[in-house]
């Protein structure tokens, strides 16, 4: 099955494995890392001059290491040998409950991060020359695409049940169906569709891998869907840095015992396992999780989305759980305010400029700097901690910061040298 080359609104062809185009200013992931290092300079400066409270993590991600107050005993042991000996049974029990697993059938494995979980699972479940069919509302995450490539497999992505059924029928030797419950656009697959996908995949002899990075909590907490392994999939994983958990950033993988045993072996061989010394933090993250917290985070994101819509109108779109300003719209707004008739950059470069201005001038850390390469060219307003939003000054102040930063972006976006200086600092 051939797939057409995807393009953005301006006709720019997407970069391989990404849902946006690269340009002259941001050419590839090397530039993303250079940009991140420059962002660190702004964080260091604000922290030094104004204190740590002058940086506001409004990315929707929690990637620290947190322990409960008055932690004692095994929960304080950060040691690669002692921590798993003291905490493995508790961690496994909590993880199985979080993922909806059955101890008689399933096992778990903490991985270095969600990408490591997906890519290692893909390597175990498929083989060179075989095929992987992805299914998601708006496209599989780059880690799924790269995971198939890493395993040497042919990858076909699908967006609808009809496309999925045709791909499953027309593609030779499908060994894995990679299901993404909550897409990178934060649109969710309905339960009936998920059940049909799993059933058809198993009928075709394929294993089902679910990339449940955020869906593992958003699905049950907001949409009343089953937990990950309750969906009947063979293996699935989620990140503990998002949506109701508090870090550390790991990939929590679970699945049928025989599959997880193989994944565990490969993970240790290639260094993809989570360091056991952080098991106390993982246990705490799972113990403190409450589905009600997810709904609180969604409500705070909706406050910001509403405030942004008052300023930018229908350019701000929303799903049931997040708001977003697409990169194409960021670029168009900057062009209009700057009096430009032709796009001087691609949308990811416009987003990068906006994100850097929000950080430099307002201390707002967005998700653009949290994932490399960024998974989207949109400014995402997602799963906002209300206490951090209150500390910043509320939803209206956030919207004002975006509006002001768009004005500043408009002043420089037509000058490549100025944009490079914004993103990377002095030459």
Foldseek 3Di string as FASTA:
>chain_A
DDDDFDADPQRATPDPLAPFHAWDLGHALVLLVLLLVVLVVLCVVCCVPPNNLLAFEQAQWFADFDFDPPDDDLLPFLDLPSNCVVCVVLLFVLLCVLQVHDPVWKTKFWWAALLLVLLLLLLLQDAAAAEEEEEAQPWAFSSNVVSCVSRNHHYHYDRDLVVRVVCLVPGPHHAEYEYEQQHPQRDGDDLVSLLVSCVVCVVSVHAYEYACAPVQQCCCLPVVDDGNCVSVGAKYWYFQTHQQFNDNRIIMMMGTPVSVVSSVVVCVVVVGGHRSSSVSSSSRRSVRGDSVLNVVLQVQQVQLLVLLCVVVNPCWDDDSRKIKRALVNLQVLLCVLLVHDDRQGISLLSLLQLQLQCCNPRSYHHSVSVDGPDNHSMGMRGRGDVVSCVSSPHSNVVSVSSVVSSNVSSNPRNPSVSSSCSSNNDD
